C-alpha atoms as a PDB file:
ATOM      1  CA  MET A   1      25.345  -8.928  -6.259  1.00  0.00           C
ATOM      2  CA  VAL A   2      27.495  -7.202  -3.612  1.00  0.00           C
ATOM      3  CA  VAL A   3      27.943  -9.646  -0.744  1.00  0.00           C
ATOM      4  CA  GLY A   4      30.580  -7.836   1.287  1.00  0.00           C
ATOM      5  CA  ASN A   5      33.604  -5.559   1.321  1.00  0.00           C
ATOM      6  CA  ASP A   6      37.255  -6.222   1.890  1.00  0.00           C
ATOM      7  CA  PRO A   7      37.944  -4.980   5.448  1.00  0.00           C
ATOM      8  CA  ALA A   8      41.383  -3.666   4.455  1.00  0.00           C
ATOM      9  CA  THR A   9      40.684  -1.981   1.106  1.00  0.00           C
ATOM     10  CA  GLY A  10      36.923  -1.485   1.207  1.00  0.00           C
ATOM     11  CA  VAL A  11      36.616  -2.962  -2.299  1.00  0.00           C
ATOM     12  CA  SER A  12      33.258  -4.586  -2.957  1.00  0.00           C
ATOM     13  CA  LYS A  13      33.039  -8.355  -3.119  1.00  0.00           C
ATOM     14  CA  GLN A  14      30.564  -9.569  -5.706  1.00  0.00           C
ATOM     15  CA  ARG A  15      28.991 -12.962  -6.296  1.00  0.00           C
ATOM     16  CA  SER A  16      26.893 -14.312  -9.138  1.00  0.00           C
ATOM     17  CA  PHE A  17      23.972 -16.741  -8.825  1.00  0.00           C
ATOM     18  CA  THR A  18      22.296 -18.840 -11.518  1.00  0.00           C
ATOM     19  CA  VAL A  19      18.582 -19.494 -11.085  1.00  0.00           C
ATOM     20  CA  CYS A  20      16.473 -21.660 -13.387  1.00  0.00           C
ATOM     21  CA  GLY A  21      12.714 -21.257 -13.642  1.00  0.00           C
ATOM     22  CA  ASP A  22      10.012 -18.950 -14.901  1.00  0.00           C
ATOM     23  CA  GLU A  23      10.046 -15.175 -14.433  1.00  0.00           C
ATOM     24  CA  ASP A  24       8.023 -15.168 -11.205  1.00  0.00           C
ATOM     25  CA  PHE A  25      10.207 -17.845  -9.632  1.00  0.00           C
ATOM     26  CA  VAL A  26      13.387 -15.976 -10.596  1.00  0.00           C
ATOM     27  CA  ARG A  27      12.071 -12.738  -9.062  1.00  0.00           C
ATOM     28  CA  GLU A  28      11.152 -14.502  -5.818  1.00  0.00           C
ATOM     29  CA  ARG A  29      14.491 -16.293  -5.675  1.00  0.00           C
ATOM     30  CA  ARG A  30      16.337 -13.034  -6.308  1.00  0.00           C
ATOM     31  CA  ARG A  31      14.577 -11.399  -3.350  1.00  0.00           C
ATOM     32  CA  GLU A  32      15.550 -14.356  -1.157  1.00  0.00           C
ATOM     33  CA  LEU A  33      19.193 -14.191  -2.264  1.00  0.00           C
ATOM     34  CA  VAL A  34      19.383 -10.446  -1.668  1.00  0.00           C
ATOM     35  CA  ALA A  35      17.921 -10.888   1.825  1.00  0.00           C
ATOM     36  CA  GLN A  36      20.345 -13.706   2.631  1.00  0.00           C
ATOM     37  CA  PHE A  37      23.588 -12.551   1.012  1.00  0.00           C
ATOM     38  CA  GLY A  38      23.219  -8.940  -0.063  1.00  0.00           C
ATOM     39  CA  VAL A  39      24.931  -6.027   1.649  1.00  0.00           C
ATOM     40  CA  ASP A  40      23.273  -2.619   1.900  1.00  0.00           C
ATOM     41  CA  ARG A  41      26.002  -0.334   0.528  1.00  0.00           C
ATOM     42  CA  SER A  42      24.455   2.636   2.329  1.00  0.00           C
ATOM     43  CA  ALA A  43      25.603   0.976   5.558  1.00  0.00           C
ATOM     44  CA  LEU A  44      29.165   1.741   4.486  1.00  0.00           C
ATOM     45  CA  PHE A  45      28.516   5.464   4.879  1.00  0.00           C
ATOM     46  CA  CYS A  46      27.350   5.695   8.469  1.00  0.00           C
ATOM     47  CA  ARG A  47      28.838   6.419  11.853  1.00  0.00           C
ATOM     48  CA  ALA A  48      29.512   2.768  12.676  1.00  0.00           C
ATOM     49  CA  ALA A  49      30.923   1.862   9.256  1.00  0.00           C
ATOM     50  CA  GLY A  50      34.434   1.392  10.635  1.00  0.00           C
ATOM     51  CA  TRP A  51      33.480  -0.307  13.893  1.00  0.00           C
ATOM     52  CA  ALA A  52      33.828  -3.956  14.715  1.00  0.00           C
ATOM     53  CA  VAL A  53      30.881  -5.784  16.273  1.00  0.00           C
ATOM     54  CA  ALA A  54      32.768  -5.904  19.583  1.00  0.00           C
ATOM     55  CA  GLU A  55      32.979  -2.090  19.723  1.00  0.00           C
ATOM     56  CA  LEU A  56      29.280  -1.712  18.934  1.00  0.00           C
ATOM     57  CA  LEU A  57      28.433  -4.200  21.697  1.00  0.00           C
ATOM     58  CA  GLU A  58      30.504  -2.248  24.229  1.00  0.00           C
ATOM     59  CA  ARG A  59      28.723   0.988  23.301  1.00  0.00           C
ATOM     60  CA  PHE A  60      25.391  -0.836  23.533  1.00  0.00           C
ATOM     61  CA  LEU A  61      26.161  -1.968  27.089  1.00  0.00           C
ATOM     62  CA  ALA A  62      27.369   1.486  28.120  1.00  0.00           C
ATOM     63  CA  ALA A  63      24.190   3.187  26.868  1.00  0.00           C
ATOM     64  CA  ASP A  64      21.280   4.095  29.123  1.00  0.00           C
ATOM     65  CA  HIS A  65      18.699   1.293  29.178  1.00  0.00           C
ATOM     66  CA  THR A  66      15.687   0.629  31.401  1.00  0.00           C
ATOM     67  CA  TRP A  67      16.780  -2.939  32.063  1.00  0.00           C
ATOM     68  CA  ALA A  68      16.029  -4.885  35.180  1.00  0.00           C
ATOM     69  CA  PRO A  69      19.161  -5.972  37.105  1.00  0.00           C
ATOM     70  CA  ALA A  70      18.774  -9.571  35.926  1.00  0.00           C
ATOM     71  CA  THR A  71      18.416  -8.445  32.298  1.00  0.00           C
ATOM     72  CA  ARG A  72      21.490  -6.234  32.524  1.00  0.00           C
ATOM     73  CA  SER A  73      23.494  -9.069  34.034  1.00  0.00           C
ATOM     74  CA  SER A  74      22.484 -11.582  31.359  1.00  0.00           C
ATOM     75  CA  HIS A  75      22.887  -9.106  28.466  1.00  0.00           C
ATOM     76  CA  THR A  76      26.325  -8.085  29.715  1.00  0.00           C
ATOM     77  CA  SER A  77      27.463 -11.684  29.999  1.00  0.00           C
ATOM     78  CA  VAL A  78      26.231 -12.612  26.514  1.00  0.00           C
ATOM     79  CA  ALA A  79      27.507  -9.408  24.862  1.00  0.00           C
ATOM     80  CA  ARG A  80      30.996  -9.810  26.273  1.00  0.00           C
ATOM     81  CA  TRP A  81      31.042 -13.418  25.134  1.00  0.00           C
ATOM     82  CA  LEU A  82      30.049 -12.325  21.626  1.00  0.00           C
ATOM     83  CA  ALA A  83      32.733  -9.624  21.631  1.00  0.00           C
ATOM     84  CA  ALA A  84      35.401 -12.251  22.319  1.00  0.00           C
ATOM     85  CA  GLU A  85      33.929 -14.650  19.747  1.00  0.00           C
ATOM     86  CA  PRO A  86      35.001 -14.542  16.054  1.00  0.00           C
ATOM     87  CA  ILE A  87      31.917 -12.501  15.177  1.00  0.00           C
ATOM     88  CA  GLY A  88      33.187  -9.763  17.487  1.00  0.00           C
ATOM     89  CA  SER A  89      36.035  -8.978  15.082  1.00  0.00           C
ATOM     90  CA  ALA A  90      33.722  -8.729  12.061  1.00  0.00           C
ATOM     91  CA  GLY A  91      32.963  -5.292  10.701  1.00  0.00           C
ATOM     92  CA  VAL A  92      29.500  -3.931  11.467  1.00  0.00           C
ATOM     93  CA  ALA A  93      29.117  -2.689   7.879  1.00  0.00           C
ATOM     94  CA  VAL A  94      29.572  -6.164   6.410  1.00  0.00           C
ATOM     95  CA  LEU A  95      27.279  -8.131   8.739  1.00  0.00           C
ATOM     96  CA  THR A  96      24.891 -10.351   6.794  1.00  0.00           C
ATOM     97  CA  PRO A  97      22.334 -13.012   7.728  1.00  0.00           C
ATOM     98  CA  GLN A  98      24.663 -15.521   6.054  1.00  0.00           C
ATOM     99  CA  LEU A  99      27.471 -14.642   8.478  1.00  0.00           C
ATOM    100  CA  ILE A 100      25.186 -14.896  11.518  1.00  0.00           C
ATOM    101  CA  GLU A 101      23.756 -18.215  10.356  1.00  0.00           C
ATOM    102  CA  ALA A 102      27.290 -19.573   9.931  1.00  0.00           C
ATOM    103  CA  ARG A 103      28.163 -18.582  13.497  1.00  0.00           C
ATOM    104  CA  ILE A 104      24.897 -20.051  14.833  1.00  0.00           C
ATOM    105  CA  ALA A 105      25.748 -23.320  13.092  1.00  0.00           C
ATOM    106  CA  ALA A 106      29.192 -23.253  14.724  1.00  0.00           C
ATOM    107  CA  TRP A 107      27.656 -22.649  18.178  1.00  0.00           C
ATOM    108  CA  ARG A 108      25.332 -25.598  17.713  1.00  0.00           C
ATOM    109  CA  ARG A 109      28.205 -27.852  16.644  1.00  0.00           C
ATOM    110  CA  ALA A 110      30.015 -26.798  19.807  1.00  0.00           C
ATOM    111  CA  GLY A 111      27.057 -28.016  21.880  1.00  0.00           C
ATOM    112  CA  ALA A 112      25.177 -24.754  22.563  1.00  0.00           C
ATOM    113  CA  SER A 113      21.582 -25.342  23.639  1.00  0.00           C
ATOM    114  CA  ILE A 114      18.519 -23.871  21.924  1.00  0.00           C
ATOM    115  CA  ALA A 115      18.150 -21.365  24.766  1.00  0.00           C
ATOM    116  CA  LEU A 116      21.795 -20.281  24.539  1.00  0.00           C
ATOM    117  CA  VAL A 117      21.730 -19.839  20.750  1.00  0.00           C
ATOM    118  CA  TRP A 118      18.514 -17.850  21.012  1.00  0.00           C
ATOM    119  CA  ALA A 119      19.954 -15.610  23.755  1.00  0.00           C
ATOM    120  CA  ARG A 120      23.115 -14.834  21.773  1.00  0.00           C
ATOM    121  CA  ARG A 121      21.226 -13.968  18.627  1.00  0.00           C
ATOM    122  CA  ALA A 122      18.670 -11.924  20.622  1.00  0.00           C
ATOM    123  CA  VAL A 123      21.358  -9.761  22.264  1.00  0.00           C
ATOM    124  CA  LEU A 124      23.061  -9.149  18.917  1.00  0.00           C
ATOM    125  CA  SER A 125      19.737  -8.260  17.301  1.00  0.00           C
ATOM    126  CA  SER A 126      18.856  -5.908  20.179  1.00  0.00           C
ATOM    127  CA  CYS A 127      22.225  -4.212  19.810  1.00  0.00           C
ATOM    128  CA  LEU A 128      21.726  -3.654  16.064  1.00  0.00           C
ATOM    129  CA  SER A 129      18.150  -2.425  16.561  1.00  0.00           C
ATOM    130  CA  TRP A 130      19.384   0.041  19.198  1.00  0.00           C
ATOM    131  CA  ALA A 131      22.089   1.318  16.832  1.00  0.00           C
ATOM    132  CA  THR A 132      19.547   1.716  14.030  1.00  0.00           C
ATOM    133  CA  ARG A 133      17.154   3.708  16.250  1.00  0.00           C
ATOM    134  CA  LEU A 134      19.978   6.092  17.138  1.00  0.00           C
ATOM    135  CA  HIS A 135      20.992   6.368  13.453  1.00  0.00           C
ATOM    136  CA  VAL A 136      24.398   4.919  14.242  1.00  0.00           C
ATOM    137  CA  LEU A 137      23.483   2.379  11.561  1.00  0.00           C
ATOM    138  CA  ARG A 138      21.368   3.208   8.546  1.00  0.00           C
ATOM    139  CA  SER A 139      19.560  -0.124   8.708  1.00  0.00           C
ATOM    140  CA  ASN A 140      19.519  -3.315  10.727  1.00  0.00           C
ATOM    141  CA  PRO A 141      21.374  -5.944   8.678  1.00  0.00           C
ATOM    142  CA  LEU A 142      19.474  -8.729  10.476  1.00  0.00           C
ATOM    143  CA  ALA A 143      15.985  -7.283   9.990  1.00  0.00           C
ATOM    144  CA  SER A 144      15.155  -9.834   7.266  1.00  0.00           C
ATOM    145  CA  MET A 145      16.733 -12.800   9.050  1.00  0.00           C
ATOM    146  CA  LYS A 146      14.507 -15.472  10.507  1.00  0.00           C
ATOM    147  CA  ALA A 147      15.142 -15.903  14.222  1.00  0.00           C
ATOM    148  CA  PRO A 148      16.226 -19.321  15.532  1.00  0.00           C
ATOM    149  CA  PRO A 149      13.693 -21.423  17.469  1.00  0.00           C
ATOM    150  CA  ARG A 150      12.756 -20.062  20.872  1.00  0.00           C
ATOM    151  CA  PRO A 151      13.347 -22.247  23.929  1.00  0.00           C
ATOM    152  CA  GLN A 152      10.292 -23.973  25.329  1.00  0.00           C
ATOM    153  CA  PRO A 153       8.842 -22.180  28.362  1.00  0.00           C
ATOM    154  CA  ARG A 154       9.157 -23.875  31.718  1.00  0.00           C
ATOM    155  CA  ARG A 155       6.054 -25.725  32.813  1.00  0.00           C
ATOM    156  CA  HIS A 156       4.952 -25.743  36.429  1.00  0.00           C
ATOM    157  CA  LEU A 157       3.678 -28.923  38.015  1.00  0.00           C
ATOM    158  CA  ARG A 158      -0.010 -29.194  38.783  1.00  0.00           C
ATOM    159  CA  MET A 159      -1.107 -29.529  42.398  1.00  0.00           C
ATOM    160  CA  ASP A 160      -2.127 -33.166  41.972  1.00  0.00           C
ATOM    161  CA  ASP A 161       1.315 -33.974  40.497  1.00  0.00           C
ATOM    162  CA  ILE A 162       2.970 -32.271  43.470  1.00  0.00           C
ATOM    163  CA  ALA A 163       0.797 -34.301  45.839  1.00  0.00           C
ATOM    164  CA  VAL A 164       1.932 -37.539  44.156  1.00  0.00           C
ATOM    165  CA  LEU A 165       5.584 -36.526  44.476  1.00  0.00           C
ATOM    166  CA  LEU A 166       5.142 -35.710  48.161  1.00  0.00           C
ATOM    167  CA  ARG A 167       3.447 -39.045  48.828  1.00  0.00           C
ATOM    168  CA  VAL A 168       6.279 -40.928  47.116  1.00  0.00           C
ATOM    169  CA  ALA A 169       8.885 -38.909  49.033  1.00  0.00           C
ATOM    170  CA  ASP A 170       7.083 -39.591  52.311  1.00  0.00           C
ATOM    171  CA  ALA A 171       7.059 -43.335  51.569  1.00  0.00           C
ATOM    172  CA  GLU A 172      10.780 -43.251  50.772  1.00  0.00           C
ATOM    173  CA  VAL A 173      11.520 -41.525  54.079  1.00  0.00           C
ATOM    174  CA  VAL A 174       9.491 -44.118  56.014  1.00  0.00           C
ATOM    175  CA  ALA A 175      11.275 -46.966  54.221  1.00  0.00           C
ATOM    176  CA  ALA A 176      14.692 -45.424  54.943  1.00  0.00           C
ATOM    177  CA  ARG A 177      13.891 -45.066  58.660  1.00  0.00           C
ATOM    178  CA  HIS A 178      12.692 -48.667  58.821  1.00  0.00           C
ATOM    179  CA  LEU A 179      15.865 -49.895  57.111  1.00  0.00           C
ATOM    180  CA  TYR A 180      17.983 -47.922  59.565  1.00  0.00           C
ATOM    181  CA  ARG A 181      16.208 -49.432  62.575  1.00  0.00           C
ATOM    182  CA  THR A 182      16.384 -53.015  61.286  1.00  0.00           C
ATOM    183  CA  THR A 183      19.968 -53.011  59.976  1.00  0.00           C
ATOM    184  CA  PRO A 184      22.483 -54.450  62.516  1.00  0.00           C
ATOM    185  CA  ALA A 185      25.201 -52.135  63.742  1.00  0.00           C
ATOM    186  CA  GLY A 186      27.819 -54.555  62.426  1.00  0.00           C
ATOM    187  CA  GLY A 187      29.600 -57.723  63.476  1.00  0.00           C
ATOM    188  CA  SER A 188      33.152 -58.895  63.706  1.00  0.00           C
ATOM    189  CA  ASP A 189      33.100 -59.893  60.032  1.00  0.00           C
ATOM    190  CA  GLY A 190      32.279 -56.322  59.016  1.00  0.00           C
ATOM    191  CA  SER A 191      29.028 -57.204  57.300  1.00  0.00           C
ATOM    192  CA  SER A 192      25.867 -55.081  57.424  1.00  0.00           C
ATOM    193  CA  VAL A 193      27.548 -52.195  59.145  1.00  0.00           C
ATOM    194  CA  ARG A 194      25.105 -49.464  60.155  1.00  0.00           C
ATOM    195  CA  PRO A 195      26.518 -45.938  60.517  1.00  0.00           C
ATOM    196  CA  ARG A 196      26.664 -44.828  64.141  1.00  0.00           C
ATOM    197  CA  LEU A 197      25.180 -41.481  65.052  1.00  0.00           C
ATOM    198  CA  PRO A 198      27.637 -39.020  66.600  1.00  0.00           C
ATOM    199  CA  PRO A 199      26.863 -37.576  70.062  1.00  0.00           C
ATOM    200  CA  GLY A 200      24.137 -34.966  69.990  1.00  0.00           C
ATOM    201  CA  ASP A 201      22.438 -36.304  66.823  1.00  0.00           C
ATOM    202  CA  PRO A 202      18.818 -37.410  67.068  1.00  0.00           C
ATOM    203  CA  ARG A 203      18.128 -41.075  67.588  1.00  0.00           C
ATOM    204  CA  PRO A 204      16.415 -43.083  64.825  1.00  0.00           C
ATOM    205  CA  SER A 205      13.160 -42.912  66.770  1.00  0.00           C
ATOM    206  CA  GLN A 206      13.429 -39.100  66.631  1.00  0.00           C
ATOM    207  CA  PRO A 207      13.855 -38.333  62.917  1.00  0.00           C
ATOM    208  CA  ALA A 208      15.916 -35.286  61.995  1.00  0.00           C
ATOM    209  CA  VAL A 209      13.627 -34.588  59.024  1.00  0.00           C
ATOM    210  CA  PRO A 210       9.998 -33.903  59.904  1.00  0.00           C
ATOM    211  CA  PRO A 211       7.461 -36.080  58.097  1.00  0.00           C
ATOM    212  CA  VAL A 212       6.281 -34.690  54.756  1.00  0.00           C
ATOM    213  CA  ARG A 213       2.570 -34.203  54.530  1.00  0.00           C
ATOM    214  CA  PRO A 214       1.032 -34.521  51.067  1.00  0.00           C
ATOM    215  CA  VAL A 215      -1.069 -31.739  49.679  1.00  0.00           C
ATOM    216  CA  PRO A 216      -4.743 -32.730  49.932  1.00  0.00           C
END
């Protein structure tokens, strides 16, 4: 099976696999191995065959997209990070799911969160899909790759939970004001020193923070 090409000479790199089992199992395993390690040789005869991933990412960013400003900002940040990462120097024609999975594993070892790994892979996949639609690439080399887990969506607090938080915060404010009023300003031994308010600041009986009213 062709699993890549030498970037300097273009010579195919081949790898053999041994699979034990019945005929149906061998066929299924062969399809899995081709999807994971195989290289589509037709990709070597396309416009982007000689490009590095970094160059494709730059062209992707420079293209006309109907992105919202926040999307453009995030995509630009992630794409430029990928271009400077080791995968940026890889040839577009020899990208495989195996290579991407190896880089994802490296990102995770470096402490990247689920959301960050997903964002990096999503931008790279979007770039390759864009290039395929424009026939810059003959096919998307990551089309058969399973995406990493998506980050969990943010959950908003319910109104009753917010009311509980506000009641607790209100109680904490009342307790802090009481402690301020009952703590001595400080003696000659330096114990129990209460901070003095500078001129112009409200007195303890006139709180600077208005009382928090819980949501009914």
